[in-house]
Structures are given as structure tokens and as C-alpha cells.
Protein backbone atom coordinates (compact mmCIF):
# COMPACT_ATOMS: atom_id res chain seq x y z
CA MET A 1 122.46 136.20 60.01
CA LYS A 2 121.44 135.48 63.56
CA ASN A 3 119.40 132.37 64.31
CA LYS A 4 115.78 132.95 65.12
CA LYS A 5 114.78 132.49 68.74
CA PRO A 6 112.60 129.44 69.49
CA ALA A 7 108.87 130.00 69.75
CA LYS A 8 107.69 131.20 73.12
CA SER A 9 106.19 128.62 75.48
CA LYS A 10 102.76 130.21 75.14
CA ASP A 11 102.55 128.69 71.64
CA ILE A 12 102.04 125.25 73.13
CA TYR A 13 99.01 126.37 75.15
CA SER A 14 95.40 126.44 74.02
CA SER A 15 93.11 129.41 74.54
CA ASP A 16 92.15 128.23 78.01
CA GLY A 17 95.78 127.87 79.07
CA GLN A 18 95.88 124.06 78.93
CA ASN A 19 99.10 122.49 77.67
CA ILE A 20 98.46 121.02 74.19
CA ILE A 21 101.26 118.50 74.64
CA LEU A 22 99.65 117.10 77.81
CA ASP A 23 96.35 116.78 75.97
CA SER A 24 98.02 114.69 73.29
CA ILE A 25 99.17 112.09 75.86
CA ALA A 26 97.06 108.93 76.17
CA ASP A 27 97.70 108.66 79.92
CA GLY A 28 95.90 110.82 82.44
CA VAL A 29 98.14 113.56 83.83
CA PHE A 30 97.49 116.07 86.60
CA THR A 31 99.60 118.26 88.83
CA VAL A 32 99.05 119.44 92.38
CA ASP A 33 100.50 122.25 94.44
CA LYS A 34 101.93 121.81 97.93
CA ASP A 35 98.41 122.00 99.38
CA TRP A 36 97.30 118.99 97.24
CA ARG A 37 95.06 121.11 95.04
CA ILE A 38 94.96 120.24 91.35
CA THR A 39 96.64 122.84 89.14
CA SER A 40 96.35 121.10 85.74
CA PHE A 41 94.28 118.23 84.41
CA ASN A 42 94.70 116.85 80.88
CA ARG A 43 92.11 115.48 78.46
CA ALA A 44 92.89 111.80 79.16
CA ALA A 45 92.40 112.46 82.89
CA GLU A 46 88.97 113.88 82.07
CA GLU A 47 88.06 110.81 80.03
CA ILE A 48 89.19 108.29 82.65
CA THR A 49 87.65 110.04 85.67
CA ARG A 50 84.60 111.50 83.87
CA VAL A 51 85.43 114.77 85.65
CA SER A 52 85.90 117.91 83.56
CA ARG A 53 89.04 120.02 83.78
CA LYS A 54 86.97 122.95 84.97
CA GLU A 55 85.57 120.91 87.86
CA ALA A 56 88.90 119.33 88.77
CA VAL A 57 91.27 122.32 88.86
CA GLY A 58 91.36 123.84 92.34
CA GLN A 59 89.92 120.74 94.01
CA LEU A 60 91.82 118.45 96.39
CA CYS A 61 93.08 115.52 94.35
CA LYS A 62 91.50 112.99 96.77
CA ASP A 63 88.08 114.53 96.11
CA VAL A 64 88.47 114.08 92.37
CA LEU A 65 90.11 110.66 92.08
CA LYS A 66 88.54 109.06 95.17
CA ALA A 67 91.23 106.36 95.08
CA ASP A 68 91.32 103.52 97.59
CA ILE A 69 94.72 104.72 98.85
CA CYS A 70 93.99 108.45 99.18
CA GLU A 71 93.40 108.51 102.92
CA ARG A 72 95.96 106.03 104.25
CA ASN A 73 98.70 105.58 101.65
CA CYS A 74 98.65 108.50 99.21
CA CYS A 75 101.34 108.08 96.55
CA LEU A 76 101.68 111.82 95.96
CA ARG A 77 102.13 112.41 99.68
CA THR A 78 104.77 109.66 99.83
CA THR A 79 106.66 111.20 96.88
CA MET A 80 106.46 114.69 98.42
CA LYS A 81 107.73 113.32 101.73
CA THR A 82 110.55 111.10 100.45
CA GLY A 83 111.42 112.75 97.16
CA LYS A 84 111.26 109.32 95.49
CA PRO A 85 109.02 108.68 92.50
CA ILE A 86 106.50 105.85 92.46
CA VAL A 87 106.16 103.80 89.28
CA ASP A 88 103.20 101.72 88.07
CA LYS A 89 101.37 101.27 91.36
CA LYS A 90 98.01 99.58 90.81
CA VAL A 91 95.06 101.16 92.64
CA HIS A 92 91.34 101.76 92.09
CA ILE A 93 89.52 105.06 91.66
CA ILE A 94 85.83 105.93 91.61
CA ASP A 95 84.81 107.92 88.54
CA ALA A 96 82.08 110.58 88.45
CA GLU A 97 79.50 107.91 87.59
CA GLY A 98 80.39 105.85 90.66
CA LYS A 99 82.19 103.14 88.68
CA ARG A 100 85.25 101.53 90.28
CA ILE A 101 88.15 101.62 87.79
CA PRO A 102 91.56 99.93 88.13
CA ILE A 103 94.43 102.25 87.20
CA SER A 104 98.21 102.19 87.27
CA ILE A 105 99.79 105.38 88.64
CA SER A 106 103.24 106.95 88.68
CA THR A 107 104.29 110.05 90.62
CA ALA A 108 107.19 112.53 90.63
CA LEU A 109 108.10 115.85 92.21
CA LEU A 110 107.39 119.08 90.33
CA ARG A 111 110.09 121.80 90.57
CA ASN A 112 110.71 125.08 88.81
CA LYS A 113 113.90 125.83 86.85
CA ASN A 114 115.61 126.95 90.08
CA GLY A 115 114.87 123.67 91.83
CA LYS A 116 112.17 125.07 94.08
CA LEU A 117 109.47 122.54 94.97
CA LEU A 118 106.13 123.48 93.45
CA GLY A 119 104.17 120.31 94.06
CA ALA A 120 103.93 116.93 92.35
CA VAL A 121 102.72 115.33 89.14
CA GLU A 122 100.82 112.08 88.74
CA THR A 123 100.26 110.10 85.57
CA PHE A 124 97.74 107.28 85.43
CA ARG A 125 96.26 104.89 82.90
CA ASP A 126 93.14 102.77 82.82
CA ILE A 127 94.08 99.09 83.10
CA SER A 128 90.53 97.69 82.97
CA VAL A 129 91.33 95.60 79.89
CA GLU A 130 94.43 94.16 81.57
CA GLU A 131 92.45 93.38 84.71
CA ASP A 132 89.72 91.66 82.69
CA LEU A 133 92.38 89.57 80.94
CA ARG A 134 94.00 88.66 84.26
CA LYS A 135 90.64 87.58 85.68
CA ALA A 136 89.94 85.53 82.56
CA ILE A 137 93.28 83.75 82.95
CA GLN A 138 92.59 83.12 86.64
CA ALA A 139 89.15 81.76 85.78
CA LYS A 140 90.72 79.42 83.25
CA TYR A 141 92.97 77.96 85.93
CA SER A 142 90.54 77.89 88.86
CA PHE A 143 87.74 75.59 89.91
CA GLU A 144 85.65 76.29 92.98
CA ASP A 145 88.39 77.51 95.39
CA ILE A 146 91.16 75.44 93.77
CA ILE A 147 93.77 77.28 91.68
CA SER A 148 96.18 75.50 89.37
CA LYS A 149 97.61 75.31 85.87
CA ASN A 150 99.29 71.95 86.54
CA HIS A 151 98.16 69.42 83.94
CA ARG A 152 97.36 66.77 86.57
CA ILE A 153 95.10 69.18 88.47
CA LEU A 154 93.49 70.43 85.26
CA GLN A 155 92.65 66.84 84.37
CA LEU A 156 90.94 66.52 87.76
CA PHE A 157 88.96 69.70 87.03
CA ASP A 158 87.56 67.97 83.95
CA ILE A 159 86.27 64.93 85.84
CA LEU A 160 85.22 66.46 89.17
CA PRO A 161 81.63 67.09 87.99
CA ASP A 162 81.33 63.41 87.03
CA ILE A 163 82.78 62.28 90.38
CA ALA A 164 80.38 64.60 92.20
CA ALA A 165 77.33 63.37 90.30
CA SER A 166 78.14 59.70 90.93
CA GLY A 167 77.49 59.69 94.67
CA SER A 168 80.27 57.11 95.14
CA THR A 169 82.70 57.06 98.05
CA VAL A 170 85.90 58.94 97.18
CA LEU A 171 89.42 58.48 98.56
CA ILE A 172 91.69 61.55 98.32
CA GLU A 173 95.40 60.89 98.85
CA GLY A 174 97.96 63.63 99.23
CA GLU A 175 100.51 65.12 101.59
CA SER A 176 99.37 67.45 104.36
CA GLY A 177 98.60 70.91 103.01
CA THR A 178 97.86 69.85 99.43
CA GLY A 179 94.21 70.90 99.59
CA LYS A 180 92.40 67.61 100.19
CA GLU A 181 89.49 69.29 101.99
CA LEU A 182 89.15 71.84 99.17
CA PHE A 183 88.64 69.00 96.70
CA ALA A 184 86.19 67.31 99.06
CA ARG A 185 84.18 70.53 99.33
CA ALA A 186 84.30 70.99 95.55
CA ILE A 187 82.87 67.50 95.06
CA HIS A 188 80.11 68.26 97.57
CA ASN A 189 79.31 71.66 96.01
CA LEU A 190 79.02 70.10 92.55
CA SER A 191 76.84 67.22 93.72
CA PRO A 192 73.04 66.94 94.11
CA ARG A 193 73.71 67.16 97.88
CA LYS A 194 75.14 70.71 97.64
CA LYS A 195 72.24 72.28 99.57
CA GLN A 196 72.71 69.82 102.42
CA PRO A 197 75.44 69.90 105.11
CA PHE A 198 79.14 69.30 104.50
CA VAL A 199 80.65 67.99 107.75
CA ALA A 200 84.39 67.44 108.25
CA VAL A 201 86.09 65.33 110.92
CA ASN A 202 89.84 65.01 111.52
CA CYS A 203 90.18 61.37 112.57
CA SER A 204 93.77 61.78 113.78
CA ALA A 205 92.84 64.45 116.32
CA LEU A 206 90.72 62.20 118.58
CA PRO A 207 91.29 58.94 120.47
CA ASP A 208 88.98 56.00 119.70
CA THR A 209 86.36 56.64 122.40
CA LEU A 210 85.99 60.31 121.54
CA LEU A 211 86.04 59.64 117.79
CA GLU A 212 83.26 57.07 118.14
CA SER A 213 81.02 59.44 120.09
CA GLU A 214 81.93 62.26 117.69
CA LEU A 215 80.94 60.23 114.66
CA PHE A 216 77.92 58.34 115.98
CA GLY A 217 76.77 60.52 118.88
CA TYR A 218 75.46 59.18 122.19
CA LYS A 219 72.31 58.79 124.26
CA ALA A 220 71.72 60.40 127.62
CA GLY A 221 73.25 58.25 130.36
CA ALA A 222 75.65 56.44 128.03
CA PHE A 223 78.50 57.56 130.30
CA THR A 224 79.19 59.95 133.16
CA ASP A 225 78.22 63.56 132.32
CA ALA A 226 76.10 62.44 129.32
CA ARG A 227 73.03 64.26 130.58
CA LYS A 228 71.27 64.56 127.23
CA ASP A 229 71.41 63.05 123.76
CA LYS A 230 74.11 64.35 121.45
CA PRO A 231 73.85 63.84 117.67
CA GLY A 232 77.02 62.61 115.98
CA ARG A 233 78.57 63.82 112.73
CA PHE A 234 76.69 61.19 110.75
CA ARG A 235 73.42 62.64 112.02
CA LEU A 236 74.56 66.21 111.33
CA ALA A 237 75.58 65.27 107.79
CA GLU A 238 72.31 63.50 106.97
CA ASN A 239 71.50 63.85 103.25
CA GLY A 240 74.81 65.65 102.80
CA THR A 241 78.50 64.76 102.79
CA LEU A 242 80.77 63.54 105.61
CA PHE A 243 84.48 64.16 105.07
CA LEU A 244 86.73 61.89 107.14
CA ASP A 245 90.24 63.35 107.05
CA GLU A 246 93.34 61.32 107.94
CA ILE A 247 91.45 58.02 107.71
CA GLY A 248 94.78 56.17 107.82
CA GLU A 249 95.20 57.09 111.49
CA ILE A 250 92.20 55.23 112.91
CA THR A 251 92.78 52.10 114.99
CA PRO A 252 91.83 48.53 113.88
CA SER A 253 88.83 48.49 116.26
CA MET A 254 87.53 51.76 114.83
CA GLN A 255 88.12 50.42 111.32
CA VAL A 256 85.74 47.53 112.08
CA LYS A 257 83.00 49.92 113.26
CA LEU A 258 83.42 52.19 110.26
CA LEU A 259 83.33 49.21 107.89
CA ARG A 260 79.95 48.17 109.28
CA VAL A 261 78.60 51.69 108.82
CA LEU A 262 79.71 51.70 105.18
CA GLN A 263 78.42 48.19 104.45
CA GLU A 264 75.07 48.36 106.19
CA LYS A 265 74.47 52.11 106.02
CA THR A 266 73.50 52.06 109.68
CA TYR A 267 75.21 53.20 112.88
CA GLU A 268 74.59 52.92 116.59
CA PRO A 269 74.97 55.91 118.94
CA LEU A 270 76.75 55.07 122.22
CA GLY A 271 74.19 53.83 124.72
CA ALA A 272 71.54 53.21 122.06
CA THR A 273 69.60 49.96 121.82
CA GLU A 274 68.88 50.10 118.10
CA SER A 275 70.67 51.14 114.93
CA LEU A 276 69.88 54.22 112.89
CA GLU A 277 69.96 54.35 109.12
CA HIS A 278 71.89 57.10 107.38
CA ASN A 279 71.91 58.74 103.96
CA VAL A 280 75.38 60.28 103.91
CA ARG A 281 77.96 60.42 101.16
CA ILE A 282 81.43 59.56 102.45
CA ILE A 283 84.63 61.20 101.25
CA VAL A 284 87.82 60.12 103.01
CA ALA A 285 91.34 61.52 102.83
CA THR A 286 94.79 60.49 103.97
CA ASN A 287 98.36 61.72 103.83
CA LYS A 288 99.52 58.10 103.84
CA ASN A 289 99.58 55.39 101.18
CA LEU A 290 96.63 53.20 102.19
CA ASP A 291 97.67 50.51 99.74
CA ALA A 292 101.00 50.20 101.56
CA LEU A 293 99.23 50.17 104.94
CA VAL A 294 97.08 47.28 103.73
CA ARG A 295 100.19 45.33 102.70
CA GLU A 296 101.68 46.02 106.14
CA GLY A 297 98.53 44.76 107.83
CA SER A 298 97.78 48.01 109.66
CA PHE A 299 94.72 48.90 107.57
CA ARG A 300 91.89 46.47 106.82
CA GLU A 301 91.75 45.35 103.21
CA ASP A 302 87.94 45.16 103.19
CA LEU A 303 87.65 48.72 104.49
CA TYR A 304 90.22 49.88 101.95
CA TYR A 305 88.09 48.54 99.09
CA ARG A 306 85.01 50.16 100.60
CA VAL A 307 86.56 53.65 100.67
CA ASN A 308 88.62 53.28 97.49
CA VAL A 309 85.78 53.34 94.99
CA PHE A 310 87.33 56.34 93.24
CA LYS A 311 90.81 57.55 94.16
CA ILE A 312 92.15 61.07 93.65
CA SER A 313 95.90 61.55 94.11
CA LEU A 314 96.98 65.17 94.67
CA PRO A 315 100.56 66.09 93.71
CA PRO A 316 102.64 67.99 96.30
CA LEU A 317 103.44 71.63 95.58
CA ARG A 318 107.06 70.80 94.67
CA GLU A 319 105.68 68.85 91.69
CA ARG A 320 103.49 71.73 90.50
CA MET A 321 105.87 74.68 90.85
CA GLU A 322 104.22 76.41 87.87
CA ASP A 323 101.35 77.14 90.29
CA ILE A 324 103.46 79.27 92.65
CA PRO A 325 102.84 82.63 90.88
CA LEU A 326 99.09 81.92 90.63
CA LEU A 327 98.87 80.93 94.29
CA VAL A 328 100.96 83.93 95.38
CA ASP A 329 98.54 86.27 93.57
CA HIS A 330 95.62 84.46 95.21
CA PHE A 331 97.05 84.77 98.72
CA ILE A 332 98.04 88.41 98.20
CA ALA A 333 94.44 89.21 97.22
CA ARG A 334 93.14 87.26 100.24
CA PHE A 335 95.39 88.96 102.79
CA ASN A 336 94.84 92.40 101.25
CA ALA A 337 91.13 91.92 101.93
CA ILE A 338 91.68 90.57 105.44
CA GLN A 339 94.37 93.02 106.57
CA LYS A 340 93.10 96.07 104.62
CA LYS A 341 96.44 96.50 102.87
CA ASN A 342 97.37 97.24 99.26
CA ILE A 343 100.25 94.86 98.55
CA GLU A 344 100.53 94.45 94.78
CA ASN A 345 103.07 91.74 94.05
CA VAL A 346 106.42 90.19 94.96
CA SER A 347 109.78 91.30 93.60
CA GLU A 348 111.66 89.14 91.09
CA GLU A 349 114.24 88.31 93.75
CA ALA A 350 111.55 87.26 96.23
CA MET A 351 109.77 85.19 93.58
CA SER A 352 113.06 83.44 92.79
CA VAL A 353 113.31 82.45 96.45
CA LEU A 354 109.71 81.20 96.48
CA MET A 355 110.35 79.19 93.32
CA SER A 356 113.45 77.56 94.84
CA TYR A 357 111.88 76.27 98.05
CA LYS A 358 110.63 72.66 98.34
CA TYR A 359 107.52 73.33 100.52
CA PRO A 360 107.30 70.37 102.90
CA GLY A 361 104.08 71.99 104.17
CA ASN A 362 102.76 72.43 100.62
CA ILE A 363 100.10 75.08 99.82
CA ARG A 364 99.31 75.68 103.48
CA GLU A 365 102.97 76.58 104.08
CA LEU A 366 103.00 78.97 101.10
CA ALA A 367 99.93 80.72 102.54
CA ASN A 368 101.73 81.09 105.88
CA ILE A 369 104.81 82.49 104.12
CA ILE A 370 102.76 85.18 102.36
CA GLU A 371 100.95 86.03 105.60
CA TYR A 372 104.35 86.38 107.32
CA ALA A 373 105.51 88.71 104.55
CA PHE A 374 102.37 90.83 104.97
CA ILE A 375 103.32 91.51 108.58
CA LEU A 376 106.72 92.94 107.60
CA CYS A 377 105.91 94.55 104.25
CA LYS A 378 105.10 98.27 104.51
CA THR A 379 105.21 99.04 100.78
CA GLY A 380 103.35 97.71 97.77
CA LEU A 381 105.95 95.07 96.92
CA ILE A 382 106.99 92.01 98.92
CA GLU A 383 110.77 91.75 98.78
CA LYS A 384 113.24 89.07 99.80
CA LYS A 385 113.82 90.74 103.16
CA HIS A 386 110.15 90.22 104.01
CA LEU A 387 110.34 86.42 103.62
CA PRO A 388 111.19 83.95 106.41
CA GLU A 389 114.94 83.29 106.52
CA ASN A 390 114.58 79.52 106.33
CA LEU A 391 113.37 79.85 102.72
CA PHE A 392 116.61 81.17 101.27
CA ALA A 393 119.11 80.12 103.94
CA PRO A 394 119.45 76.55 102.56
CA MET A 395 119.97 77.95 99.08
CA GLU A 396 122.82 80.14 100.26
CA THR A 397 124.48 77.99 102.92
CA ASN A 398 124.22 74.67 101.13
CA LYS A 399 124.83 76.23 97.69
CA GLN A 400 121.97 74.39 96.10
CA SER A 401 122.09 74.72 92.34
CA GLU A 402 118.57 73.50 91.56
CA ALA A 403 116.78 76.77 92.12
CA PHE A 404 113.78 77.30 89.91
CA SER A 405 113.54 80.47 87.87
CA LEU A 406 110.40 81.68 86.15
CA ARG A 407 111.98 80.52 82.88
CA ASP A 408 112.43 77.02 84.37
CA VAL A 409 108.78 76.96 85.39
CA GLU A 410 107.59 78.04 81.95
CA ALA A 411 109.79 75.39 80.32
CA THR A 412 108.53 72.68 82.69
CA TYR A 413 104.90 73.64 82.10
CA MET A 414 105.31 73.75 78.32
CA LEU A 415 107.20 70.46 78.27
CA GLY A 416 104.39 68.82 80.26
CA ALA A 417 101.79 70.16 77.82
CA LEU A 418 103.78 68.87 74.84
CA LYS A 419 104.11 65.42 76.38
CA GLN A 420 100.42 65.38 77.25
CA ASN A 421 99.62 66.04 73.57
CA ASN A 422 102.12 63.46 72.31
CA TRP A 423 104.42 66.28 71.05
CA ASP A 424 101.73 67.59 68.69
CA ARG A 425 102.54 71.30 68.62
CA LEU A 426 99.26 72.40 67.08
CA LYS A 427 97.21 70.63 69.77
CA THR A 428 99.55 71.99 72.44
CA ALA A 429 99.16 75.55 71.14
CA ARG A 430 95.37 75.18 71.25
CA GLN A 431 95.49 73.82 74.80
CA LEU A 432 97.70 76.69 75.95
CA GLY A 433 95.56 79.28 74.16
CA MET A 434 98.37 80.66 72.00
CA HIS A 435 99.16 80.88 68.28
CA LYS A 436 101.30 78.04 66.97
CA SER A 437 104.03 80.48 65.84
CA THR A 438 104.22 81.81 69.42
CA LEU A 439 104.60 78.25 70.67
CA TYR A 440 107.39 77.58 68.16
CA ARG A 441 109.27 80.69 69.32
CA LYS A 442 108.93 79.71 72.96
CA ILE A 443 110.08 76.14 72.27
CA LYS A 444 113.18 77.55 70.60
CA SER A 445 113.89 80.21 73.25
CA LEU A 446 113.41 77.74 76.13
CA GLY A 447 115.66 75.15 74.51
CA ILE A 448 113.00 72.42 74.45
CA LYS A 449 114.00 69.46 72.28
CA ILE A 450 111.20 67.86 70.25
CA PRO A 451 111.86 64.14 69.70
CA SER A 452 111.93 63.02 66.08
CA ARG A 453 109.06 60.75 65.03
């Protein structure tokens, strides 16, 4: 007996000609011809876009999806041009109700059984839930404009509102590029003075005479070319906050003048005959160890105690490497907005390079690195070739073996959390927002040794 022939392909089509198999798929699927007109549109595509199949078929795909990449960087057009599929590219579309929806799309060419090009197919899925989760995680590890999951920074997040409310003078110590001004602004924005001015001065950028006139202002006729009064930064910051950056660079004579301002809460503009009172909160910052400068005799001890009412010490980026992925995401989002690009992420190889670098310039240097990569990157993914050569050259030429992997970062972060909670795994799991069994698995997989009690 001869075998029966398989059912004809028409059996998998509904009465209106739509493929039943496509309708059973949870992802949105549509096809286009070589003129970019939609030739099929499945049920999931209808649900995501809120556009019916009847309305969609025959329309240009850009008129139906209204994606943010349709005009300048169409994925279907790229696939048709290069022949290469695109996988899981994150974009946004506008549905029929005007709602902006994040989706992940993949594209491929569409050919007949003879290999003739008919058009292209795109699949897409709604990733709103994933995006909401990502934003929730970012919110958990951000405060004002500061982003971190480092336990030392998170501890600062907890006490910043108390520091802000106190009104006391604050000393922020940290290397250049660690975000000292961000913390100063956060303190100001959380304080009762938040509606008043925040004024910043870089003390290392000006010689004594200019710094004095910049801080205290001057009266007309105080010196040649002083034709009218000029208010200083203290006057401009009245009732607000004055941030004095690089306080460790000021000369002994300027230290004496600043000490008087802090002690007496008065200052004298150049050329003035009487002192003016001020109501200004002072926050100072330095990339030097002021305590060491006091011991050396180059910074006045009495001034040190005046500014060091509450000290904040910011760790350098090399001591908070678990923050690199968070910061990279932050800078990618920032430069996408500024440069009108749609860069999505960095490759694993590029991230490995970023995790291996020591960052002498700290967060500011990382921002510059991502901006550099944006100039060279033409696709949606930053790759190793887009990074400055000095990042990976030392790793290759000097054969450094201390490169950080993402696994190393996770282990370091988890180890820090365990130590912070005195090795109590239940408390650690709660702090990290995970089930205790998940924590146990990670401890085992990462090879973390729990000391016996």
C-alpha cells in the first residue's frame, strides 16, 4: 500500500488566508514585500500594535509600527541590503493608541523555494515588563544623579538626607573624577536650601588675587578696570550652598581669609570698608588627604577642623568595579539622547576590556571612553574595536592576569554583601533582593567560602 500524501498547505490556513501556525506564536510576526508593504500580520502583532490585520496588510511597515528607527536605521532595510539577519534589537514603537512600547525585534530575508528574494520577515515581542524591571533595578541603585551598587556608596545613600538636613559644613574627599560635585549637589537638593542657588568654585583654577575677588567680589575702583561693583560667589550663593572644589590647593594666606569667613560668617569684598554677613552653607572637596597636609604643615589645622565637620570619602572606580555595567548603561542612554543614536549595549568582549581597566580618571574617564566609542560605533553594539587602544593594550602587551570578568564582579559584590551582614546568608539574601536558595546556589557556583562560626 502506498503512503498517503501529506495534507496540502491550505489546511494550515484559516478562512481568511491567515497562517494558523503564525497566529499560535506569542511573538508578533509580519512579512513585507520588496516595496516594504506588509503581506502578512499575525494575531500577536495585532495585539502588540493595536492595529488589525485588515488595516495593516498592504500598508508600508513604517506607517504601521511607527518605530523610532524606521526613517534612519530600518532593520528590515539593513537585512535586505546586507542579507544578514538582525537578532533581538531593542527599539520603541507607537501603537494605535499613541502609547510608546519597547520591543525587541529580529529580522530575516524571505525567499521562495527557488531562492528568489520575496521580501523580509520581522518578529517582535513586547518587553515592557523587562523594561519596567530594569528601571526598578536602576532606581534601587540610584540616588539623585548618582548610580552605584557598591556597598560603601549605598551606605552613603542612606545617610545623605540626614547630612543634607543638618546644615553642617561637609568635606568630600576623593580622587578626581569620582563624582564629588554630584554628591555636593545631592546634599544641596535634599536640604531646606534646595530652592536657593548652588554655586561651585574650582579653587585650583585661580591664583590668590583672582580667587579672592571671585569668592568675595569687589567694589568699583578697588583696582584698575573695576568700573562697577561685582558680587562674589558668596553673595551669589546667599541662602543657598557654596561648593569649594579642590580646597587643598589654596595658599596659606587664602586659608587665613577663608577661616575668618567660616568663623565669623562675614566677608569683605575687595575695596570695601565694612564686612558683609552671609548665610551660606559650605561644602568643600579635595582630591588630596587633608589630614596628611595638616601633618605636613601645608594646610592650617584650625581651618581643617572648620571644614571637617562631616567627612565623606568616595572610593575610586577601581574599588567599585561592580558599578561598571550600571554606569555603562547610564552613559549609553545619555549619549543616545545627545547624539540621536540607538546604541543598545556593549559586547561581552568589550565589557571584559572595560572591567579590566584601572581608570585613573575614574567615572569621568569612563564617560569619555563611552563617548569615544559612540563616535566610531555605527551599529547597535559597542565592540572592542570601538574602544580606545590604551584600554586593552596594557592587558595584551604586559600580559596582566588580573582582568576582571563579570563573574569576578558578581563574586566581589556578593562577598562584600556577606561580609557587611557578618556572613548571615538570610540577611544577605534580603539585602540583595533574592531568595535564600538562589543565594546559596550563587555562593556555590562562585566558589565563595563561608567561614565557620
